[in-house]
C-alpha atoms as a PDB file:
ATOM      1  CA  MET A   1       0.579 -19.964  39.187  1.00  0.00           C
ATOM      2  CA  SER A   2      -1.790 -17.223  38.174  1.00  0.00           C
ATOM      3  CA  ARG A   3      -5.108 -18.023  36.589  1.00  0.00           C
ATOM      4  CA  PHE A   4      -4.138 -16.058  33.437  1.00  0.00           C
ATOM      5  CA  ILE A   5      -0.879 -17.940  32.911  1.00  0.00           C
ATOM      6  CA  SER A   6      -2.622 -21.269  33.486  1.00  0.00           C
ATOM      7  CA  PHE A   7      -5.187 -20.435  30.825  1.00  0.00           C
ATOM      8  CA  GLY A   8      -2.425 -19.362  28.447  1.00  0.00           C
ATOM      9  CA  LEU A   9      -0.609 -22.658  28.889  1.00  0.00           C
ATOM     10  CA  ILE A  10      -3.812 -24.615  28.379  1.00  0.00           C
ATOM     11  CA  PHE A  11      -4.586 -22.631  25.200  1.00  0.00           C
ATOM     12  CA  THR A  12      -1.059 -23.089  23.844  1.00  0.00           C
ATOM     13  CA  PHE A  13      -1.198 -26.821  24.551  1.00  0.00           C
ATOM     14  CA  PHE A  14      -4.619 -27.130  22.914  1.00  0.00           C
ATOM     15  CA  PHE A  15      -3.670 -25.096  19.837  1.00  0.00           C
ATOM     16  CA  SER A  16      -0.358 -26.916  19.456  1.00  0.00           C
ATOM     17  CA  SER A  17      -2.136 -30.263  19.754  1.00  0.00           C
ATOM     18  CA  GLN A  18      -4.507 -29.207  17.000  1.00  0.00           C
ATOM     19  CA  LEU A  19      -1.549 -28.317  14.776  1.00  0.00           C
ATOM     20  CA  MET A  20      -0.048 -31.744  15.381  1.00  0.00           C
ATOM     21  CA  ALA A  21      -3.232 -33.240  13.956  1.00  0.00           C
ATOM     22  CA  LYS A  22      -3.168 -31.151  10.761  1.00  0.00           C
ATOM     23  CA  GLU A  23      -0.709 -29.072   8.789  1.00  0.00           C
ATOM     24  CA  PHE A  24      -0.547 -25.406   9.769  1.00  0.00           C
ATOM     25  CA  ASN A  25      -2.446 -23.687   6.948  1.00  0.00           C
ATOM     26  CA  VAL A  26      -0.766 -20.434   5.886  1.00  0.00           C
ATOM     27  CA  VAL A  27      -2.147 -18.353   3.019  1.00  0.00           C
ATOM     28  CA  THR A  28      -0.264 -15.463   1.422  1.00  0.00           C
ATOM     29  CA  SER A  29      -1.812 -12.827  -0.792  1.00  0.00           C
ATOM     30  CA  VAL A  30       0.806 -12.465  -3.547  1.00  0.00           C
ATOM     31  CA  LYS A  31       3.552 -14.678  -4.919  1.00  0.00           C
ATOM     32  CA  PRO A  32       6.537 -12.601  -3.700  1.00  0.00           C
ATOM     33  CA  LEU A  33       5.247 -13.039  -0.141  1.00  0.00           C
ATOM     34  CA  GLN A  34       4.745 -16.742  -0.763  1.00  0.00           C
ATOM     35  CA  LEU A  35       8.390 -16.996  -1.852  1.00  0.00           C
ATOM     36  CA  ILE A  36       9.532 -15.348   1.382  1.00  0.00           C
ATOM     37  CA  VAL A  37       7.212 -17.343   3.639  1.00  0.00           C
ATOM     38  CA  GLN A  38       8.105 -20.686   2.061  1.00  0.00           C
ATOM     39  CA  GLU A  39      11.750 -20.049   2.994  1.00  0.00           C
ATOM     40  CA  LEU A  40      10.629 -19.620   6.613  1.00  0.00           C
ATOM     41  CA  THR A  41       8.349 -22.670   6.710  1.00  0.00           C
ATOM     42  CA  GLN A  42      10.712 -25.194   5.101  1.00  0.00           C
ATOM     43  CA  GLY A  43      10.119 -28.602   6.653  1.00  0.00           C
ATOM     44  CA  VAL A  44       6.974 -27.458   8.459  1.00  0.00           C
ATOM     45  CA  THR A  45       4.263 -26.442   6.010  1.00  0.00           C
ATOM     46  CA  THR A  46       3.669 -25.225   2.460  1.00  0.00           C
ATOM     47  CA  PRO A  47       2.164 -21.721   2.195  1.00  0.00           C
ATOM     48  CA  HIS A  48      -0.579 -21.146  -0.350  1.00  0.00           C
ATOM     49  CA  VAL A  49      -1.100 -18.027  -2.462  1.00  0.00           C
ATOM     50  CA  LEU A  50      -4.278 -16.250  -3.543  1.00  0.00           C
ATOM     51  CA  LEU A  51      -3.351 -14.364  -6.711  1.00  0.00           C
ATOM     52  CA  PRO A  52      -2.653 -16.543  -9.754  1.00  0.00           C
ATOM     53  CA  ALA A  53       0.494 -16.068 -11.818  1.00  0.00           C
ATOM     54  CA  GLY A  54       0.346 -12.941 -13.940  1.00  0.00           C
ATOM     55  CA  ALA A  55      -2.356 -11.230 -11.875  1.00  0.00           C
ATOM     56  CA  SER A  56      -1.836  -7.777 -10.417  1.00  0.00           C
ATOM     57  CA  PRO A  57      -3.004  -6.879  -6.894  1.00  0.00           C
ATOM     58  CA  HIS A  58      -3.866  -3.407  -8.162  1.00  0.00           C
ATOM     59  CA  ASP A  59      -6.979  -4.588  -9.990  1.00  0.00           C
ATOM     60  CA  TYR A  60      -7.719  -8.063  -8.614  1.00  0.00           C
ATOM     61  CA  ALA A  61     -11.141  -9.223  -7.432  1.00  0.00           C
ATOM     62  CA  LEU A  62     -11.600 -12.142  -5.033  1.00  0.00           C
ATOM     63  CA  LYS A  63     -13.250 -15.280  -6.382  1.00  0.00           C
ATOM     64  CA  PRO A  64     -15.378 -17.662  -4.272  1.00  0.00           C
ATOM     65  CA  SER A  65     -12.442 -20.093  -4.167  1.00  0.00           C
ATOM     66  CA  ASP A  66     -10.244 -17.299  -2.766  1.00  0.00           C
ATOM     67  CA  VAL A  67     -12.778 -16.568  -0.044  1.00  0.00           C
ATOM     68  CA  LYS A  68     -12.782 -20.240   0.929  1.00  0.00           C
ATOM     69  CA  LYS A  69      -8.966 -20.290   1.067  1.00  0.00           C
ATOM     70  CA  ILE A  70      -8.991 -17.310   3.401  1.00  0.00           C
ATOM     71  CA  HIS A  71     -11.619 -18.760   5.729  1.00  0.00           C
ATOM     72  CA  ASP A  72      -9.854 -22.131   5.844  1.00  0.00           C
ATOM     73  CA  ALA A  73      -6.499 -20.551   6.725  1.00  0.00           C
ATOM     74  CA  ASP A  74      -4.956 -20.630  10.192  1.00  0.00           C
ATOM     75  CA  LEU A  75      -3.046 -17.477   9.250  1.00  0.00           C
ATOM     76  CA  VAL A  76      -3.288 -15.040   6.327  1.00  0.00           C
ATOM     77  CA  ILE A  77      -0.196 -12.988   5.508  1.00  0.00           C
ATOM     78  CA  TRP A  78      -0.737 -10.009   3.229  1.00  0.00           C
ATOM     79  CA  VAL A  79       1.028  -6.782   2.311  1.00  0.00           C
ATOM     80  CA  GLY A  80      -1.677  -4.422   3.529  1.00  0.00           C
ATOM     81  CA  PRO A  81      -4.618  -2.268   2.443  1.00  0.00           C
ATOM     82  CA  GLU A  82      -2.299   0.028   0.487  1.00  0.00           C
ATOM     83  CA  LEU A  83      -1.850  -2.777  -2.059  1.00  0.00           C
ATOM     84  CA  GLU A  84      -4.565  -5.429  -1.692  1.00  0.00           C
ATOM     85  CA  THR A  85      -7.633  -3.239  -1.378  1.00  0.00           C
ATOM     86  CA  PHE A  86      -9.712  -6.272  -2.361  1.00  0.00           C
ATOM     87  CA  MET A  87      -8.827  -7.969   0.947  1.00  0.00           C
ATOM     88  CA  ALA A  88      -9.173  -5.141   3.440  1.00  0.00           C
ATOM     89  CA  ARG A  89     -12.896  -5.463   4.178  1.00  0.00           C
ATOM     90  CA  MET A  90     -12.868  -9.238   4.436  1.00  0.00           C
ATOM     91  CA  LEU A  91      -9.851  -9.379   6.739  1.00  0.00           C
ATOM     92  CA  SER A  92     -11.319  -6.791   9.082  1.00  0.00           C
ATOM     93  CA  ASN A  93     -13.665  -9.479  10.361  1.00  0.00           C
ATOM     94  CA  ASP A  94     -12.657 -12.639  12.217  1.00  0.00           C
ATOM     95  CA  VAL A  95      -9.876 -13.914   9.944  1.00  0.00           C
ATOM     96  CA  THR A  96      -6.515 -14.259  11.710  1.00  0.00           C
ATOM     97  CA  ASN A  97      -4.106 -12.211   9.627  1.00  0.00           C
ATOM     98  CA  ILE A  98      -1.035 -10.019   9.636  1.00  0.00           C
ATOM     99  CA  ALA A  99      -0.836  -6.904   7.454  1.00  0.00           C
ATOM    100  CA  LEU A 100       2.859  -6.246   6.986  1.00  0.00           C
ATOM    101  CA  THR A 101       2.511  -2.535   6.177  1.00  0.00           C
ATOM    102  CA  LYS A 102       1.210  -2.083   9.726  1.00  0.00           C
ATOM    103  CA  GLN A 103       4.363  -3.488  11.343  1.00  0.00           C
ATOM    104  CA  PRO A 104       6.523  -0.797  13.026  1.00  0.00           C
ATOM    105  CA  THR A 105       9.768  -2.776  12.756  1.00  0.00           C
ATOM    106  CA  ILE A 106       9.820  -2.580   8.944  1.00  0.00           C
ATOM    107  CA  ASP A 107      11.511   0.506   7.493  1.00  0.00           C
ATOM    108  CA  PHE A 108       9.031   1.556   4.828  1.00  0.00           C
ATOM    109  CA  LEU A 109       9.535   4.145   2.154  1.00  0.00           C
ATOM    110  CA  TYR A 110       6.860   6.794   1.770  1.00  0.00           C
ATOM    111  CA  TYR A 111       5.624   8.406  -1.397  1.00  0.00           C
ATOM    112  CA  ASP A 112       6.165  12.146  -1.535  1.00  0.00           C
ATOM    113  CA  HIS A 113       2.788  13.686  -0.701  1.00  0.00           C
ATOM    114  CA  ASP A 114       3.599  16.577  -3.036  1.00  0.00           C
ATOM    115  CA  GLU A 115       4.147  14.258  -5.987  1.00  0.00           C
ATOM    116  CA  GLU A 116       1.249  14.299  -8.394  1.00  0.00           C
ATOM    117  CA  GLY A 117       0.617  12.831 -11.795  1.00  0.00           C
ATOM    118  CA  ASP A 118      -1.695  14.124 -14.500  1.00  0.00           C
ATOM    119  CA  HIS A 119      -4.298  11.597 -15.567  1.00  0.00           C
ATOM    120  CA  SER A 120      -7.118  12.277 -17.986  1.00  0.00           C
ATOM    121  CA  GLY A 121      -6.828  15.966 -17.290  1.00  0.00           C
ATOM    122  CA  HIS A 122      -6.856  15.606 -13.509  1.00  0.00           C
ATOM    123  CA  ASP A 123      -4.189  15.460 -10.825  1.00  0.00           C
ATOM    124  CA  HIS A 124      -3.956  12.491  -8.464  1.00  0.00           C
ATOM    125  CA  SER A 125      -1.940  12.640  -5.260  1.00  0.00           C
ATOM    126  CA  HIS A 126       0.500   9.818  -4.600  1.00  0.00           C
ATOM    127  CA  GLU A 127       1.194   9.529  -0.899  1.00  0.00           C
ATOM    128  CA  GLY A 128       1.507   7.186   2.044  1.00  0.00           C
ATOM    129  CA  VAL A 129       3.407   3.923   2.462  1.00  0.00           C
ATOM    130  CA  ASP A 130       5.023   2.417  -0.608  1.00  0.00           C
ATOM    131  CA  PRO A 131       3.742  -1.167  -0.244  1.00  0.00           C
ATOM    132  CA  HIS A 132       6.224  -2.816  -2.643  1.00  0.00           C
ATOM    133  CA  PHE A 133       8.659  -3.601   0.187  1.00  0.00           C
ATOM    134  CA  TRP A 134       9.378  -7.159  -1.024  1.00  0.00           C
ATOM    135  CA  MET A 135      11.714  -5.670  -3.645  1.00  0.00           C
ATOM    136  CA  GLY A 136      13.915  -4.234  -0.910  1.00  0.00           C
ATOM    137  CA  PRO A 137      16.379  -6.721   0.620  1.00  0.00           C
ATOM    138  CA  THR A 138      16.473  -4.834   3.924  1.00  0.00           C
ATOM    139  CA  GLN A 139      12.705  -4.613   4.258  1.00  0.00           C
ATOM    140  CA  SER A 140      12.206  -8.219   3.148  1.00  0.00           C
ATOM    141  CA  LEU A 141      14.500  -9.419   5.921  1.00  0.00           C
ATOM    142  CA  GLN A 142      12.667  -7.221   8.422  1.00  0.00           C
ATOM    143  CA  ALA A 143       9.353  -8.641   7.205  1.00  0.00           C
ATOM    144  CA  ALA A 144      10.769 -12.168   7.461  1.00  0.00           C
ATOM    145  CA  ALA A 145      11.624 -11.549  11.118  1.00  0.00           C
ATOM    146  CA  VAL A 146       8.081 -10.309  11.813  1.00  0.00           C
ATOM    147  CA  ILE A 147       6.582 -13.288  10.002  1.00  0.00           C
ATOM    148  CA  THR A 148       8.823 -15.692  11.915  1.00  0.00           C
ATOM    149  CA  ASP A 149       7.697 -14.261  15.252  1.00  0.00           C
ATOM    150  CA  THR A 150       4.085 -14.630  14.126  1.00  0.00           C
ATOM    151  CA  LEU A 151       4.589 -18.225  12.999  1.00  0.00           C
ATOM    152  CA  ILE A 152       6.185 -19.089  16.334  1.00  0.00           C
ATOM    153  CA  ALA A 153       3.322 -17.453  18.237  1.00  0.00           C
ATOM    154  CA  PHE A 154       0.772 -19.602  16.403  1.00  0.00           C
ATOM    155  CA  ASP A 155       2.899 -22.722  16.027  1.00  0.00           C
ATOM    156  CA  PRO A 156       5.346 -22.858  18.967  1.00  0.00           C
ATOM    157  CA  LEU A 157       6.034 -26.566  18.445  1.00  0.00           C
ATOM    158  CA  HIS A 158       8.139 -25.644  15.404  1.00  0.00           C
ATOM    159  CA  LYS A 159       9.941 -22.683  16.955  1.00  0.00           C
ATOM    160  CA  ASN A 160      13.401 -24.112  16.309  1.00  0.00           C
ATOM    161  CA  GLU A 161      12.660 -24.864  12.658  1.00  0.00           C
ATOM    162  CA  TYR A 162      11.368 -21.348  12.064  1.00  0.00           C
ATOM    163  CA  LYS A 163      14.408 -19.762  13.695  1.00  0.00           C
ATOM    164  CA  VAL A 164      16.858 -21.917  11.737  1.00  0.00           C
ATOM    165  CA  ASN A 165      15.022 -21.152   8.497  1.00  0.00           C
ATOM    166  CA  LEU A 166      15.113 -17.410   9.209  1.00  0.00           C
ATOM    167  CA  ALA A 167      18.861 -17.498   9.858  1.00  0.00           C
ATOM    168  CA  GLN A 168      19.451 -19.370   6.606  1.00  0.00           C
ATOM    169  CA  PHE A 169      17.221 -16.960   4.685  1.00  0.00           C
ATOM    170  CA  GLU A 170      19.098 -13.960   6.074  1.00  0.00           C
ATOM    171  CA  LYS A 171      22.413 -15.505   5.065  1.00  0.00           C
ATOM    172  CA  SER A 172      21.188 -16.274   1.544  1.00  0.00           C
ATOM    173  CA  VAL A 173      19.805 -12.771   0.982  1.00  0.00           C
ATOM    174  CA  ASN A 174      23.001 -11.120   2.201  1.00  0.00           C
ATOM    175  CA  ILE A 175      25.151 -13.242  -0.107  1.00  0.00           C
ATOM    176  CA  ALA A 176      22.870 -12.581  -3.087  1.00  0.00           C
ATOM    177  CA  THR A 177      22.739  -8.827  -2.545  1.00  0.00           C
ATOM    178  CA  ASP A 178      26.524  -8.592  -2.285  1.00  0.00           C
ATOM    179  CA  GLU A 179      26.756 -10.225  -5.706  1.00  0.00           C
ATOM    180  CA  LEU A 180      24.027  -7.993  -7.134  1.00  0.00           C
ATOM    181  CA  LYS A 181      25.830  -4.859  -5.976  1.00  0.00           C
ATOM    182  CA  LYS A 182      28.878  -5.907  -7.978  1.00  0.00           C
ATOM    183  CA  GLN A 183      26.741  -6.818 -10.980  1.00  0.00           C
ATOM    184  CA  LEU A 184      24.823  -3.521 -11.007  1.00  0.00           C
ATOM    185  CA  GLN A 185      27.721  -1.211 -10.214  1.00  0.00           C
ATOM    186  CA  PRO A 186      28.633  -0.512 -13.892  1.00  0.00           C
ATOM    187  CA  VAL A 187      25.107   0.752 -14.682  1.00  0.00           C
ATOM    188  CA  VAL A 188      24.110   2.662 -11.544  1.00  0.00           C
ATOM    189  CA  GLN A 189      24.449   6.022 -13.317  1.00  0.00           C
ATOM    190  CA  HIS A 190      22.477   4.979 -16.395  1.00  0.00           C
ATOM    191  CA  GLY A 191      19.037   6.582 -16.444  1.00  0.00           C
ATOM    192  CA  TYR A 192      15.770   4.790 -17.162  1.00  0.00           C
ATOM    193  CA  PHE A 193      11.989   5.056 -16.882  1.00  0.00           C
ATOM    194  CA  VAL A 194       9.662   2.461 -15.360  1.00  0.00           C
ATOM    195  CA  PHE A 195       6.033   1.805 -16.194  1.00  0.00           C
ATOM    196  CA  HIS A 196       4.753   2.337 -12.656  1.00  0.00           C
ATOM    197  CA  ASP A 197       6.248   3.720  -9.480  1.00  0.00           C
ATOM    198  CA  GLY A 198       6.852   0.431  -7.695  1.00  0.00           C
ATOM    199  CA  TYR A 199      10.586  -0.225  -7.573  1.00  0.00           C
ATOM    200  CA  GLY A 200      11.762   2.314  -5.022  1.00  0.00           C
ATOM    201  CA  TYR A 201      13.044  -0.205  -2.479  1.00  0.00           C
ATOM    202  CA  PHE A 202      15.218  -2.051  -5.000  1.00  0.00           C
ATOM    203  CA  GLU A 203      16.391   1.201  -6.579  1.00  0.00           C
ATOM    204  CA  LYS A 204      17.336   2.813  -3.294  1.00  0.00           C
ATOM    205  CA  TYR A 205      19.179  -0.253  -2.023  1.00  0.00           C
ATOM    206  CA  PHE A 206      21.246  -0.595  -5.190  1.00  0.00           C
ATOM    207  CA  LYS A 207      21.484   3.178  -5.857  1.00  0.00           C
ATOM    208  CA  LEU A 208      19.958   3.037  -9.348  1.00  0.00           C
ATOM    209  CA  ASN A 209      19.114   6.090 -11.471  1.00  0.00           C
ATOM    210  CA  ASN A 210      15.339   6.138 -11.997  1.00  0.00           C
ATOM    211  CA  LEU A 211      14.376   9.184 -14.087  1.00  0.00           C
ATOM    212  CA  GLY A 212      10.631   8.754 -13.646  1.00  0.00           C
ATOM    213  CA  HIS A 213       7.547   6.629 -14.302  1.00  0.00           C
ATOM    214  CA  PHE A 214       4.619   6.545 -16.682  1.00  0.00           C
ATOM    215  CA  THR A 215       2.002   6.206 -13.943  1.00  0.00           C
ATOM    216  CA  VAL A 216       1.786   6.100 -10.155  1.00  0.00           C
ATOM    217  CA  LYS A 217      -0.414   3.001 -10.330  1.00  0.00           C
ATOM    218  CA  PRO A 218      -0.615   0.546 -13.222  1.00  0.00           C
ATOM    219  CA  ASP A 219      -4.404   0.735 -13.374  1.00  0.00           C
ATOM    220  CA  ARG A 220      -4.186   4.458 -14.199  1.00  0.00           C
ATOM    221  CA  ARG A 221      -3.408   5.526 -17.733  1.00  0.00           C
ATOM    222  CA  PRO A 222      -0.471   7.926 -18.131  1.00  0.00           C
ATOM    223  CA  GLY A 223      -1.390  11.534 -18.747  1.00  0.00           C
ATOM    224  CA  ALA A 224      -0.383  13.567 -21.782  1.00  0.00           C
ATOM    225  CA  LYS A 225       2.061  15.768 -19.845  1.00  0.00           C
ATOM    226  CA  THR A 226       3.867  12.723 -18.513  1.00  0.00           C
ATOM    227  CA  LEU A 227       4.178  11.144 -21.955  1.00  0.00           C
ATOM    228  CA  ILE A 228       5.472  14.352 -23.523  1.00  0.00           C
ATOM    229  CA  SER A 229       8.051  14.748 -20.758  1.00  0.00           C
ATOM    230  CA  ILE A 230       9.291  11.163 -21.095  1.00  0.00           C
ATOM    231  CA  ARG A 231       9.393  11.407 -24.888  1.00  0.00           C
ATOM    232  CA  ARG A 232      11.503  14.554 -24.663  1.00  0.00           C
ATOM    233  CA  ALA A 233      13.934  12.895 -22.252  1.00  0.00           C
ATOM    234  CA  LEU A 234      14.321   9.932 -24.603  1.00  0.00           C
ATOM    235  CA  GLN A 235      14.961  12.188 -27.582  1.00  0.00           C
ATOM    236  CA  GLU A 236      17.607  14.012 -25.549  1.00  0.00           C
ATOM    237  CA  LYS A 237      19.265  10.637 -24.849  1.00  0.00           C
ATOM    238  CA  GLN A 238      18.894  10.950 -21.081  1.00  0.00           C
ATOM    239  CA  ALA A 239      17.764   7.345 -20.701  1.00  0.00           C
ATOM    240  CA  TYR A 240      19.149   3.969 -21.676  1.00  0.00           C
ATOM    241  CA  CYS A 241      15.971   1.983 -21.152  1.00  0.00           C
ATOM    242  CA  VAL A 242      12.218   2.075 -20.611  1.00  0.00           C
ATOM    243  CA  PHE A 243      10.781  -0.804 -18.587  1.00  0.00           C
ATOM    244  CA  SER A 244       7.334  -2.324 -19.028  1.00  0.00           C
ATOM    245  CA  GLU A 245       5.746  -5.110 -16.951  1.00  0.00           C
ATOM    246  CA  PRO A 246       4.275  -8.493 -17.906  1.00  0.00           C
ATOM    247  CA  GLN A 247       1.079  -7.727 -15.974  1.00  0.00           C
ATOM    248  CA  PHE A 248       0.562  -4.554 -18.024  1.00  0.00           C
ATOM    249  CA  SER A 249       1.779  -4.234 -21.606  1.00  0.00           C
ATOM    250  CA  PRO A 250       0.508  -0.844 -22.716  1.00  0.00           C
ATOM    251  CA  ALA A 251       1.107   0.158 -26.323  1.00  0.00           C
ATOM    252  CA  VAL A 252       1.973   3.586 -24.951  1.00  0.00           C
ATOM    253  CA  VAL A 253       5.444   2.359 -23.949  1.00  0.00           C
ATOM    254  CA  SER A 254       6.250   1.274 -27.489  1.00  0.00           C
ATOM    255  CA  SER A 255       4.823   4.449 -28.977  1.00  0.00           C
ATOM    256  CA  VAL A 256       6.886   6.700 -26.707  1.00  0.00           C
ATOM    257  CA  VAL A 257      10.094   4.795 -27.457  1.00  0.00           C
ATOM    258  CA  ASN A 258       9.414   4.579 -31.208  1.00  0.00           C
ATOM    259  CA  GLY A 259      11.999   6.440 -33.273  1.00  0.00           C
ATOM    260  CA  THR A 260      14.630   6.535 -30.530  1.00  0.00           C
ATOM    261  CA  ASP A 261      17.545   4.208 -29.820  1.00  0.00           C
ATOM    262  CA  VAL A 262      16.295   3.534 -26.286  1.00  0.00           C
ATOM    263  CA  SER A 263      15.832  -0.117 -25.342  1.00  0.00           C
ATOM    264  CA  ILE A 264      12.641  -1.602 -23.897  1.00  0.00           C
ATOM    265  CA  GLY A 265      13.086  -3.968 -20.976  1.00  0.00           C
ATOM    266  CA  THR A 266      10.737  -5.859 -18.681  1.00  0.00           C
ATOM    267  CA  LEU A 267      10.568  -5.792 -14.897  1.00  0.00           C
ATOM    268  CA  ASP A 268       8.349  -8.339 -13.176  1.00  0.00           C
ATOM    269  CA  PRO A 269       7.441  -7.159  -9.662  1.00  0.00           C
ATOM    270  CA  MET A 270       5.173 -10.173  -9.103  1.00  0.00           C
ATOM    271  CA  ALA A 271       7.751 -12.933  -9.753  1.00  0.00           C
ATOM    272  CA  THR A 272       5.504 -14.466 -12.408  1.00  0.00           C
ATOM    273  CA  ASN A 273       8.077 -16.828 -13.901  1.00  0.00           C
ATOM    274  CA  ILE A 274       9.988 -17.651 -10.719  1.00  0.00           C
ATOM    275  CA  ALA A 275       9.704 -21.306  -9.727  1.00  0.00           C
ATOM    276  CA  TYR A 276       8.078 -22.007  -6.375  1.00  0.00           C
ATOM    277  CA  GLU A 277      10.970 -23.768  -4.671  1.00  0.00           C
ATOM    278  CA  GLN A 278      13.646 -23.203  -2.074  1.00  0.00           C
ATOM    279  CA  GLY A 279      15.714 -20.224  -3.161  1.00  0.00           C
ATOM    280  CA  GLY A 280      12.788 -18.742  -5.091  1.00  0.00           C
ATOM    281  CA  TYR A 281      13.030 -15.327  -3.446  1.00  0.00           C
ATOM    282  CA  ILE A 282      16.756 -15.152  -4.219  1.00  0.00           C
ATOM    283  CA  ALA A 283      15.979 -16.063  -7.837  1.00  0.00           C
ATOM    284  CA  PHE A 284      13.435 -13.225  -7.872  1.00  0.00           C
ATOM    285  CA  LEU A 285      16.026 -10.657  -6.739  1.00  0.00           C
ATOM    286  CA  GLN A 286      18.510 -12.019  -9.253  1.00  0.00           C
ATOM    287  CA  GLU A 287      15.958 -11.765 -12.061  1.00  0.00           C
ATOM    288  CA  LEU A 288      15.296  -8.116 -11.211  1.00  0.00           C
ATOM    289  CA  GLY A 289      19.021  -7.435 -11.135  1.00  0.00           C
ATOM    290  CA  GLN A 290      19.553  -9.161 -14.471  1.00  0.00           C
ATOM    291  CA  SER A 291      16.678  -7.213 -16.053  1.00  0.00           C
ATOM    292  CA  PHE A 292      18.237  -3.913 -15.003  1.00  0.00           C
ATOM    293  CA  THR A 293      21.750  -4.951 -15.997  1.00  0.00           C
ATOM    294  CA  LYS A 294      20.771  -6.232 -19.439  1.00  0.00           C
ATOM    295  CA  CYS A 295      18.742  -3.181 -20.469  1.00  0.00           C
ATOM    296  CA  LEU A 296      21.006  -0.512 -18.972  1.00  0.00           C
ATOM    297  CA  LYS A 297      24.265  -1.662 -20.569  1.00  0.00           C
END
């Protein structure tokens, strides 16, 4: 047996023995990832999450307790620097982590590099990977497969559990999305505006009719040209609904809709009110589907 293989076996045995002595400590950056990972680690470990309920990764700052969580973790699973800019520098050091936007087996959407939004009199380009992949059933399953392989690599003693959990998760997502397609079918042609450009994966999968967004990122205020354009579309009855978000409740949404018969709905990309339990990710998809269905009728 080669010296390299012998060392690998010794390392695997040592690391696995360490895991037998303590629970494998997995930390996720945002709640939607926690919901996915907890489906994959059922019966093995309970993943922790950094961002508290209601927080947005677009403007979050790490607290000392967050830093401790990261350093104590055996594995940190995060979306990537396109979303959690607050983590990029810290995770470039010696923290074992996986940035999902860097995984080639996930079919990401990309923002149009020619798309620009006016903001305080200036244009801002909107390009690169769309990091909100957890709202796409296809991409979430691809991410789940990547995460499962990573869990097995670090915790081979529970390989069978991880594989069984992945298979069950895939089955559950496929069943749920089939039902959501039927539910959303009557409203797929009904136009709407969203607060920020973060729902592309869900919209593409279910073929929804997004007419535009107030801002490319929720921490940027909408520009005057954008507001005038949306207001005109609402007055011309092009849209059924305008969606805000619980993390950001700008008065601008209400002011633009005021005087029209357009409904205001809420989309929660961060799964704020979804219970942390088995089936949580499915409940998240169903909540998104219900939010669209209710407001677009």
